[in-house]
Amino acid sequence: MKFTWTEVSQAAEYEYSYTCLNCGEVVASRSGKTTELSAEFTGLIAGTSARLTVRALPAEGGAIPSRAT
């Protein structure tokens, strides 16, 4: 299954964390960093629930502007 997200201005890379909701833990082998706007996972088990959290990371010494609400 492929997960995609929207580009964040001034992001150098994205850190993603895959959490198995059935077992309540982060699955390290399915978590990491990428410069792409997607992450693809194979071997997922039907009937299980999961959450993918993605965080934009700035370049070294940079900052990502926060959104005004």
Protein backbone atom coordinates (compact mmCIF):
# COMPACT_ATOMS: atom_id res chain seq x y z
CA MET A 1 0.00 0.00 0.00
CA LYS A 2 1.31 3.44 -0.89
CA PHE A 3 0.72 6.45 1.35
CA THR A 4 1.18 9.96 -0.03
CA TRP A 5 1.20 13.45 1.48
CA THR A 6 1.32 17.05 0.34
CA GLU A 7 4.61 18.91 0.00
CA VAL A 8 5.47 21.31 2.82
CA SER A 9 7.28 24.50 1.87
CA GLN A 10 10.93 24.54 3.02
CA ALA A 11 10.89 20.89 4.11
CA ALA A 12 14.19 19.12 3.39
CA GLU A 13 12.81 15.69 4.25
CA TYR A 14 9.91 13.92 5.92
CA GLU A 15 9.99 11.62 8.91
CA TYR A 16 7.27 8.98 9.00
CA SER A 17 6.19 6.66 11.77
CA TYR A 18 3.94 3.65 11.23
CA THR A 19 2.02 2.60 14.34
CA CYS A 20 0.18 -0.69 14.63
CA LEU A 21 -3.06 0.22 16.42
CA ASN A 22 -3.91 -3.41 17.17
CA CYS A 23 -0.66 -3.90 19.05
CA GLY A 24 -0.15 -0.28 20.21
CA GLU A 25 3.45 0.17 19.13
CA VAL A 26 5.55 1.85 16.47
CA VAL A 27 6.80 -0.64 13.90
CA ALA A 28 10.46 0.36 13.48
CA SER A 29 10.89 -1.49 10.20
CA ARG A 30 8.11 0.65 8.70
CA SER A 31 9.33 4.00 10.04
CA GLY A 32 12.05 6.26 8.71
CA LYS A 33 12.92 9.37 6.70
CA THR A 34 12.55 10.22 3.03
CA THR A 35 12.79 13.15 0.64
CA GLU A 36 9.88 11.71 -1.38
CA LEU A 37 6.21 12.59 -0.90
CA SER A 38 5.23 9.00 -0.27
CA ALA A 39 6.06 5.77 1.51
CA GLU A 40 5.10 2.31 0.33
CA PHE A 41 4.61 -0.74 2.52
CA THR A 42 4.21 -4.38 1.57
CA GLY A 43 3.18 -7.31 3.70
CA LEU A 44 0.40 -5.49 5.54
CA ILE A 45 -2.10 -7.81 7.20
CA ALA A 46 -5.77 -7.50 6.25
CA GLY A 47 -8.08 -6.59 9.12
CA THR A 48 -5.47 -4.71 11.15
CA SER A 49 -5.55 -0.98 11.87
CA ALA A 50 -2.60 1.37 11.64
CA ARG A 51 -1.71 5.06 11.74
CA LEU A 52 0.96 6.76 9.67
CA THR A 53 2.28 10.02 11.10
CA VAL A 54 4.38 12.27 8.86
CA ARG A 55 6.46 15.21 10.06
CA ALA A 56 8.19 17.73 7.80
CA LEU A 57 11.82 18.37 8.73
CA PRO A 58 13.70 21.55 7.76
CA ALA A 59 17.18 21.70 6.29
CA GLU A 60 20.02 21.91 8.84
CA GLY A 61 19.65 25.21 10.72
CA GLY A 62 16.41 26.05 8.91
CA ALA A 63 12.84 26.35 10.09
CA ILE A 64 9.45 25.49 8.68
CA PRO A 65 6.97 28.34 9.15
CA SER A 66 3.93 27.41 11.21
CA ARG A 67 0.48 27.92 9.76
CA ALA A 68 -1.63 30.79 11.03
CA THR A 69 -4.99 29.61 12.36
